[in-house]
Amino acid sequence: MKYEQLIDLNFTKIGCWITDVDGLNYKVFENKSNEFEIDNSLYIFFDKENDRILYVGKTTQTLKKRFYGYIRGNGQSTNSKIHNKLVKERSGKILILSLNDDLPFNWGIYNINLAAGLEDSIIEIENPLWNGKCSETEIHEEFSNEDNS
C-alpha cells in the first residue's frame, strides 16, 4: 500500500522515529501531540523512502503509553523486536501514521473495534516486514551480527 493510499484512508502522519544520544525516541510533528493521547488507535510505521509499510499495530492505550514499550525495548518480545529494528534504521526515516477509532460502530449490542479489524486485514494483504515472526534469514543475520560484536 502506498503512502497516498494510507492518507486517503484517513491515516494521519503524526511523527517519526529518531535515535540520538539519549537513544530511541519519537519526534511529534507540529500540531499532532493530541494524537498520542487518544485511546484505541491503529498505527503504522512507514518507510517513506521505499514507500512501504514496515509494521502495523493497534492499541487500546494511548500511543504515548504504547510507544514507551518500544522505546525501552524490554518486557514483551514484540517491544524488544521492534525496538531493535527501529534502532537499526536511519534516524527520521520511519514515519508514524495513526488512525483513531473514534467513530462508534456497533453490531447489535456489540461494539466493533475498527482498529483491530483493519490491523488484521492490512497485515494479511500487505505482509509488513516487521509483523509476525522473524524469517530464518533474519534470525541467522542477527546471530551472525551478535557474534561479530
N, C-alpha and C. Protein backbone atom coordinates (compact mmCIF):
# COMPACT_ATOMS: atom_id res chain seq x y z
N MET A 1 0.85 -1.17 0.00
CA MET A 1 0.00 0.00 0.00
C MET A 1 0.90 1.24 0.00
N LYS A 2 0.58 2.15 -0.84
CA LYS A 2 1.34 3.38 -0.99
C LYS A 2 0.95 4.39 0.09
N TYR A 3 1.86 5.32 0.32
CA TYR A 3 1.65 6.37 1.32
C TYR A 3 0.35 7.13 1.04
N GLU A 4 0.12 7.53 -0.20
CA GLU A 4 -1.06 8.30 -0.55
C GLU A 4 -2.34 7.51 -0.27
N GLN A 5 -2.30 6.20 -0.46
CA GLN A 5 -3.46 5.37 -0.18
C GLN A 5 -3.79 5.36 1.32
N LEU A 6 -2.76 5.36 2.16
CA LEU A 6 -2.98 5.41 3.60
C LEU A 6 -3.61 6.75 4.01
N ILE A 7 -3.13 7.81 3.42
CA ILE A 7 -3.69 9.14 3.70
C ILE A 7 -5.15 9.18 3.23
N ASP A 8 -5.44 8.58 2.08
CA ASP A 8 -6.82 8.52 1.58
C ASP A 8 -7.73 7.73 2.52
N LEU A 9 -7.17 6.80 3.29
CA LEU A 9 -7.94 6.01 4.26
C LEU A 9 -8.03 6.71 5.62
N ASN A 10 -7.65 7.98 5.66
CA ASN A 10 -7.70 8.83 6.87
C ASN A 10 -6.62 8.52 7.90
N PHE A 11 -5.54 7.88 7.49
CA PHE A 11 -4.38 7.80 8.38
C PHE A 11 -3.75 9.19 8.43
N THR A 12 -3.20 9.55 9.57
CA THR A 12 -2.58 10.85 9.76
C THR A 12 -1.11 10.66 10.07
N LYS A 13 -0.25 11.43 9.41
CA LYS A 13 1.18 11.41 9.70
C LYS A 13 1.39 12.23 10.97
N ILE A 14 1.82 11.56 12.06
CA ILE A 14 1.90 12.25 13.34
C ILE A 14 3.32 12.40 13.89
N GLY A 15 4.27 11.67 13.33
CA GLY A 15 5.63 11.77 13.84
C GLY A 15 6.57 10.86 13.09
N CYS A 16 7.78 10.73 13.65
CA CYS A 16 8.76 9.81 13.10
C CYS A 16 9.66 9.32 14.23
N TRP A 17 10.30 8.19 14.00
CA TRP A 17 11.22 7.62 14.99
C TRP A 17 12.60 8.24 14.80
N ILE A 18 13.25 8.56 15.93
CA ILE A 18 14.58 9.15 15.89
C ILE A 18 15.49 8.43 16.88
N THR A 19 16.76 8.44 16.58
CA THR A 19 17.77 7.98 17.53
C THR A 19 18.77 9.12 17.70
N ASP A 20 19.12 9.35 18.95
CA ASP A 20 20.10 10.39 19.25
C ASP A 20 20.93 9.93 20.44
N VAL A 21 21.62 10.85 21.08
CA VAL A 21 22.49 10.47 22.20
C VAL A 21 21.71 9.85 23.35
N ASP A 22 20.42 10.16 23.46
CA ASP A 22 19.59 9.60 24.51
C ASP A 22 18.99 8.25 24.13
N GLY A 23 19.21 7.80 22.90
CA GLY A 23 18.67 6.52 22.45
C GLY A 23 17.47 6.71 21.53
N LEU A 24 16.59 5.71 21.53
CA LEU A 24 15.41 5.72 20.66
C LEU A 24 14.31 6.59 21.25
N ASN A 25 13.67 7.35 20.39
CA ASN A 25 12.52 8.15 20.79
C ASN A 25 11.73 8.49 19.53
N TYR A 26 10.65 9.21 19.68
CA TYR A 26 9.91 9.65 18.51
C TYR A 26 9.77 11.16 18.55
N LYS A 27 9.72 11.73 17.36
CA LYS A 27 9.51 13.16 17.21
C LYS A 27 8.05 13.37 16.84
N VAL A 28 7.37 14.24 17.57
CA VAL A 28 5.98 14.56 17.29
C VAL A 28 5.93 15.72 16.30
N PHE A 29 5.20 15.55 15.20
CA PHE A 29 5.07 16.61 14.23
C PHE A 29 4.17 17.73 14.78
N GLU A 30 4.36 18.92 14.25
CA GLU A 30 3.64 20.10 14.72
C GLU A 30 2.12 19.87 14.72
N ASN A 31 1.50 20.26 15.80
CA ASN A 31 0.05 20.16 16.00
C ASN A 31 -0.47 18.72 16.02
N LYS A 32 0.38 17.75 16.30
CA LYS A 32 -0.06 16.35 16.33
C LYS A 32 0.08 15.71 17.71
N SER A 33 0.46 16.47 18.73
CA SER A 33 0.69 15.88 20.06
C SER A 33 -0.58 15.26 20.63
N ASN A 34 -1.75 15.80 20.30
CA ASN A 34 -3.01 15.22 20.80
C ASN A 34 -3.22 13.80 20.28
N GLU A 35 -2.71 13.51 19.10
CA GLU A 35 -2.87 12.18 18.50
C GLU A 35 -2.24 11.09 19.38
N PHE A 36 -1.23 11.45 20.15
CA PHE A 36 -0.54 10.48 21.00
C PHE A 36 -1.28 10.25 22.32
N GLU A 37 -2.34 11.02 22.57
CA GLU A 37 -3.09 10.93 23.82
C GLU A 37 -4.45 10.27 23.67
N ILE A 38 -4.79 9.83 22.47
CA ILE A 38 -6.10 9.23 22.21
C ILE A 38 -6.02 7.72 22.40
N ASP A 39 -7.02 7.17 23.10
CA ASP A 39 -7.09 5.71 23.29
C ASP A 39 -7.59 5.05 22.01
N ASN A 40 -7.21 3.80 21.84
CA ASN A 40 -7.72 2.94 20.77
C ASN A 40 -7.34 3.45 19.37
N SER A 41 -6.12 3.16 18.99
CA SER A 41 -5.61 3.60 17.69
C SER A 41 -4.98 2.44 16.93
N LEU A 42 -5.02 2.57 15.64
CA LEU A 42 -4.26 1.72 14.74
C LEU A 42 -3.08 2.55 14.29
N TYR A 43 -1.88 1.97 14.30
CA TYR A 43 -0.71 2.74 13.90
C TYR A 43 0.14 1.95 12.93
N ILE A 44 0.83 2.70 12.10
CA ILE A 44 1.69 2.11 11.07
C ILE A 44 3.05 2.79 11.14
N PHE A 45 4.10 1.98 11.06
CA PHE A 45 5.45 2.50 10.89
C PHE A 45 5.75 2.35 9.41
N PHE A 46 6.02 3.47 8.77
CA PHE A 46 6.09 3.50 7.31
C PHE A 46 7.45 4.02 6.85
N ASP A 47 8.05 3.29 5.93
CA ASP A 47 9.32 3.67 5.32
C ASP A 47 8.98 4.47 4.06
N LYS A 48 8.97 5.80 4.21
CA LYS A 48 8.58 6.67 3.09
C LYS A 48 9.60 6.59 1.96
N GLU A 49 10.87 6.40 2.31
CA GLU A 49 11.93 6.33 1.30
C GLU A 49 11.68 5.19 0.31
N ASN A 50 11.20 4.05 0.83
CA ASN A 50 10.92 2.89 -0.02
C ASN A 50 9.43 2.67 -0.24
N ASP A 51 8.60 3.61 0.25
CA ASP A 51 7.15 3.59 0.08
C ASP A 51 6.54 2.23 0.46
N ARG A 52 6.81 1.84 1.73
CA ARG A 52 6.27 0.55 2.17
C ARG A 52 5.97 0.56 3.68
N ILE A 53 5.00 -0.25 4.03
CA ILE A 53 4.63 -0.43 5.43
C ILE A 53 5.62 -1.40 6.06
N LEU A 54 6.18 -1.01 7.20
CA LEU A 54 7.10 -1.89 7.92
C LEU A 54 6.39 -2.63 9.05
N TYR A 55 5.47 -1.94 9.71
CA TYR A 55 4.82 -2.54 10.87
C TYR A 55 3.43 -1.95 11.06
N VAL A 56 2.49 -2.80 11.44
CA VAL A 56 1.12 -2.39 11.76
C VAL A 56 0.82 -2.88 13.16
N GLY A 57 0.28 -1.99 13.99
CA GLY A 57 -0.09 -2.37 15.34
C GLY A 57 -1.35 -1.64 15.78
N LYS A 58 -1.93 -2.13 16.85
CA LYS A 58 -3.10 -1.47 17.43
C LYS A 58 -2.90 -1.42 18.94
N THR A 59 -3.56 -0.46 19.54
CA THR A 59 -3.50 -0.35 20.99
C THR A 59 -4.81 0.21 21.52
N THR A 60 -5.22 -0.26 22.68
CA THR A 60 -6.36 0.33 23.36
C THR A 60 -5.87 1.40 24.34
N GLN A 61 -4.56 1.46 24.55
CA GLN A 61 -3.94 2.51 25.36
C GLN A 61 -3.73 3.74 24.46
N THR A 62 -3.12 4.76 25.03
CA THR A 62 -2.69 5.88 24.19
C THR A 62 -1.43 5.44 23.45
N LEU A 63 -1.16 6.09 22.33
CA LEU A 63 0.08 5.78 21.60
C LEU A 63 1.30 6.12 22.45
N LYS A 64 1.20 7.17 23.24
CA LYS A 64 2.31 7.57 24.12
C LYS A 64 2.67 6.41 25.05
N LYS A 65 1.66 5.79 25.67
CA LYS A 65 1.92 4.66 26.57
C LYS A 65 2.44 3.45 25.79
N ARG A 66 1.84 3.18 24.63
CA ARG A 66 2.25 2.00 23.85
C ARG A 66 3.68 2.15 23.36
N PHE A 67 4.03 3.32 22.87
CA PHE A 67 5.36 3.52 22.30
C PHE A 67 6.45 3.51 23.36
N TYR A 68 6.09 3.75 24.61
CA TYR A 68 7.06 3.68 25.69
C TYR A 68 7.71 2.30 25.73
N GLY A 69 6.93 1.25 25.47
CA GLY A 69 7.47 -0.11 25.42
C GLY A 69 8.49 -0.29 24.31
N TYR A 70 8.24 0.33 23.17
CA TYR A 70 9.20 0.25 22.06
C TYR A 70 10.48 1.03 22.38
N ILE A 71 10.32 2.17 23.04
CA ILE A 71 11.48 3.00 23.39
C ILE A 71 12.39 2.24 24.36
N ARG A 72 11.81 1.63 25.36
CA ARG A 72 12.59 0.88 26.35
C ARG A 72 13.11 -0.43 25.78
N GLY A 73 12.28 -1.08 24.97
CA GLY A 73 12.72 -2.32 24.32
C GLY A 73 12.74 -3.53 25.23
N ASN A 74 12.07 -3.44 26.36
CA ASN A 74 12.05 -4.62 27.23
C ASN A 74 10.60 -4.99 27.54
N GLY A 75 10.43 -6.06 28.26
CA GLY A 75 9.07 -6.54 28.54
C GLY A 75 8.66 -7.54 27.49
N GLN A 76 7.61 -7.22 26.74
CA GLN A 76 7.10 -8.12 25.71
C GLN A 76 8.15 -8.35 24.63
N SER A 77 8.13 -9.53 24.03
CA SER A 77 9.08 -9.81 22.95
C SER A 77 8.86 -8.87 21.77
N THR A 78 7.61 -8.45 21.53
CA THR A 78 7.33 -7.50 20.45
C THR A 78 8.05 -6.18 20.70
N ASN A 79 8.03 -5.71 21.95
CA ASN A 79 8.72 -4.46 22.27
C ASN A 79 10.19 -4.54 21.92
N SER A 80 10.80 -5.62 22.29
CA SER A 80 12.23 -5.81 22.04
C SER A 80 12.52 -5.91 20.55
N LYS A 81 11.71 -6.68 19.83
CA LYS A 81 11.91 -6.87 18.40
C LYS A 81 11.79 -5.54 17.66
N ILE A 82 10.73 -4.79 17.93
CA ILE A 82 10.50 -3.53 17.21
C ILE A 82 11.53 -2.49 17.64
N HIS A 83 11.89 -2.45 18.91
CA HIS A 83 12.94 -1.53 19.39
C HIS A 83 14.22 -1.75 18.59
N ASN A 84 14.65 -3.00 18.49
CA ASN A 84 15.90 -3.31 17.78
C ASN A 84 15.83 -2.92 16.31
N LYS A 85 14.70 -3.15 15.67
CA LYS A 85 14.56 -2.79 14.26
C LYS A 85 14.57 -1.27 14.08
N LEU A 86 13.90 -0.54 14.96
CA LEU A 86 13.88 0.92 14.86
C LEU A 86 15.26 1.52 15.10
N VAL A 87 16.01 0.95 16.03
CA VAL A 87 17.36 1.46 16.33
C VAL A 87 18.28 1.28 15.13
N LYS A 88 18.09 0.19 14.37
CA LYS A 88 18.94 -0.08 13.20
C LYS A 88 18.67 0.85 12.03
N GLU A 89 17.48 1.47 12.00
CA GLU A 89 17.11 2.34 10.88
C GLU A 89 17.75 3.72 11.04
N ARG A 90 17.89 4.41 9.93
CA ARG A 90 18.42 5.77 9.95
C ARG A 90 17.40 6.69 10.62
N SER A 91 17.86 7.53 11.52
CA SER A 91 17.01 8.42 12.29
C SER A 91 16.14 9.28 11.39
N GLY A 92 14.84 9.32 11.71
CA GLY A 92 13.90 10.13 10.96
C GLY A 92 13.34 9.47 9.72
N LYS A 93 13.82 8.27 9.39
CA LYS A 93 13.39 7.59 8.16
C LYS A 93 12.01 6.94 8.30
N ILE A 94 11.66 6.50 9.51
CA ILE A 94 10.42 5.78 9.73
C ILE A 94 9.33 6.71 10.23
N LEU A 95 8.30 6.91 9.41
CA LEU A 95 7.16 7.74 9.78
C LEU A 95 6.20 6.96 10.67
N ILE A 96 5.49 7.69 11.53
CA ILE A 96 4.43 7.12 12.35
C ILE A 96 3.11 7.68 11.82
N LEU A 97 2.22 6.78 11.40
CA LEU A 97 0.89 7.18 10.96
C LEU A 97 -0.12 6.56 11.90
N SER A 98 -1.22 7.24 12.14
CA SER A 98 -2.24 6.68 13.04
C SER A 98 -3.64 6.87 12.46
N LEU A 99 -4.51 5.99 12.88
CA LEU A 99 -5.93 6.08 12.58
C LEU A 99 -6.65 5.86 13.90
N ASN A 100 -7.35 6.88 14.34
CA ASN A 100 -8.05 6.78 15.62
C ASN A 100 -9.43 6.18 15.42
N ASP A 101 -9.76 5.23 16.27
CA ASP A 101 -11.06 4.55 16.22
C ASP A 101 -12.03 5.34 17.09
N ASP A 102 -12.42 6.52 16.58
CA ASP A 102 -13.27 7.38 17.38
C ASP A 102 -14.73 7.42 16.91
N LEU A 103 -15.04 6.68 15.87
CA LEU A 103 -16.42 6.60 15.41
C LEU A 103 -17.02 5.28 15.89
N PRO A 104 -18.06 5.33 16.72
CA PRO A 104 -18.64 4.08 17.21
C PRO A 104 -19.29 3.30 16.07
N PHE A 105 -19.01 2.01 16.05
CA PHE A 105 -19.59 1.11 15.06
C PHE A 105 -20.08 -0.11 15.82
N ASN A 106 -21.36 -0.37 15.72
CA ASN A 106 -21.95 -1.46 16.51
C ASN A 106 -22.63 -2.48 15.62
N TRP A 107 -22.61 -3.70 16.10
CA TRP A 107 -23.36 -4.79 15.51
C TRP A 107 -24.29 -5.27 16.62
N GLY A 108 -25.52 -4.83 16.55
CA GLY A 108 -26.44 -5.09 17.66
C GLY A 108 -25.92 -4.38 18.90
N ILE A 109 -25.75 -5.14 19.97
CA ILE A 109 -25.26 -4.55 21.23
C ILE A 109 -23.74 -4.59 21.32
N TYR A 110 -23.06 -5.09 20.28
CA TYR A 110 -21.61 -5.26 20.33
C TYR A 110 -20.88 -4.14 19.60
N ASN A 111 -19.86 -3.61 20.24
CA ASN A 111 -19.01 -2.60 19.63
C ASN A 111 -17.98 -3.30 18.74
N ILE A 112 -17.82 -2.82 17.54
CA ILE A 112 -16.83 -3.35 16.62
C ILE A 112 -15.58 -2.48 16.71
N ASN A 113 -14.44 -3.11 16.94
CA ASN A 113 -13.18 -2.39 17.04
C ASN A 113 -12.58 -2.27 15.64
N LEU A 114 -12.71 -1.09 15.05
CA LEU A 114 -12.22 -0.84 13.70
C LEU A 114 -10.71 -1.07 13.61
N ALA A 115 -9.98 -0.60 14.62
CA ALA A 115 -8.52 -0.75 14.62
C ALA A 115 -8.12 -2.22 14.53
N ALA A 116 -8.78 -3.07 15.30
CA ALA A 116 -8.45 -4.50 15.29
C ALA A 116 -8.75 -5.14 13.95
N GLY A 117 -9.89 -4.84 13.39
CA GLY A 117 -10.26 -5.42 12.09
C GLY A 117 -9.35 -4.96 10.97
N LEU A 118 -9.04 -3.68 10.95
CA LEU A 118 -8.15 -3.17 9.92
C LEU A 118 -6.73 -3.70 10.08
N GLU A 119 -6.28 -3.83 11.32
CA GLU A 119 -4.93 -4.36 11.54
C GLU A 119 -4.80 -5.73 10.89
N ASP A 120 -5.73 -6.61 11.17
CA ASP A 120 -5.68 -7.96 10.60
C ASP A 120 -5.70 -7.93 9.07
N SER A 121 -6.57 -7.11 8.50
CA SER A 121 -6.69 -7.04 7.04
C SER A 121 -5.44 -6.46 6.39
N ILE A 122 -4.90 -5.39 6.96
CA ILE A 122 -3.71 -4.78 6.39
C ILE A 122 -2.53 -5.75 6.46
N ILE A 123 -2.38 -6.43 7.59
CA ILE A 123 -1.28 -7.39 7.72
C ILE A 123 -1.43 -8.52 6.71
N GLU A 124 -2.65 -9.02 6.55
CA GLU A 124 -2.89 -10.12 5.61
C GLU A 124 -2.58 -9.72 4.17
N ILE A 125 -3.01 -8.53 3.78
CA ILE A 125 -2.84 -8.10 2.40
C ILE A 125 -1.44 -7.56 2.12
N GLU A 126 -0.92 -6.74 3.03
CA GLU A 126 0.35 -6.06 2.79
C GLU A 126 1.59 -6.84 3.26
N ASN A 127 1.41 -7.77 4.18
CA ASN A 127 2.51 -8.58 4.70
C ASN A 127 3.72 -7.70 5.12
N PRO A 128 3.51 -6.78 6.09
CA PRO A 128 4.59 -5.89 6.50
C PRO A 128 5.82 -6.67 7.00
N LEU A 129 6.99 -6.12 6.72
CA LEU A 129 8.25 -6.80 7.04
C LEU A 129 8.41 -7.14 8.51
N TRP A 130 7.93 -6.28 9.41
CA TRP A 130 8.20 -6.45 10.83
C TRP A 130 7.08 -7.14 11.60
N ASN A 131 5.96 -7.43 10.97
CA ASN A 131 4.88 -8.14 11.66
C ASN A 131 5.14 -9.63 11.60
N GLY A 132 4.74 -10.33 12.64
CA GLY A 132 4.91 -11.78 12.68
C GLY A 132 6.29 -12.17 13.12
N LYS A 133 6.60 -13.41 12.92
CA LYS A 133 7.89 -13.96 13.35
C LYS A 133 8.98 -13.56 12.37
N CYS A 134 10.19 -13.52 12.88
CA CYS A 134 11.34 -13.25 12.02
C CYS A 134 11.52 -14.39 11.04
N SER A 135 12.00 -14.06 9.85
CA SER A 135 12.31 -15.10 8.88
C SER A 135 13.59 -15.81 9.30
N GLU A 136 13.84 -16.95 8.73
CA GLU A 136 15.08 -17.69 9.02
C GLU A 136 16.30 -16.84 8.68
N THR A 137 16.22 -16.08 7.57
CA THR A 137 17.34 -15.22 7.18
C THR A 137 17.61 -14.18 8.25
N GLU A 138 16.56 -13.52 8.77
CA GLU A 138 16.74 -12.51 9.81
C GLU A 138 17.36 -13.11 11.06
N ILE A 139 16.90 -14.31 11.44
CA ILE A 139 17.42 -14.96 12.63
C ILE A 139 18.91 -15.22 12.47
N HIS A 140 19.31 -15.76 11.31
CA HIS A 140 20.73 -16.04 11.07
C HIS A 140 21.55 -14.77 11.01
N GLU A 141 21.00 -13.72 10.39
CA GLU A 141 21.73 -12.44 10.31
C GLU A 141 21.91 -11.85 11.71
N GLU A 142 20.89 -11.93 12.56
CA GLU A 142 21.01 -11.39 13.90
C GLU A 142 22.04 -12.14 14.71
N PHE A 143 22.05 -13.47 14.59
CA PHE A 143 23.05 -14.25 15.32
C PHE A 143 24.46 -13.95 14.83
N SER A 144 24.64 -13.82 13.51
CA SER A 144 25.99 -13.55 12.99
C SER A 144 26.43 -12.15 13.36
N ASN A 145 25.50 -11.18 13.44
CA ASN A 145 25.85 -9.82 13.87
C ASN A 145 26.26 -9.81 15.33
N GLU A 146 25.58 -10.62 16.18
CA GLU A 146 25.93 -10.68 17.60
C GLU A 146 27.31 -11.29 17.78
N ASP A 147 27.66 -12.29 16.95
CA ASP A 147 28.97 -12.93 17.05
C ASP A 147 30.09 -11.96 16.69
N ASN A 148 29.81 -11.03 15.76
CA ASN A 148 30.83 -10.08 15.31
C ASN A 148 30.96 -8.86 16.21
N SER A 149 30.10 -8.73 17.20
CA SER A 149 30.13 -7.55 18.07
C SER A 149 31.31 -7.56 18.99
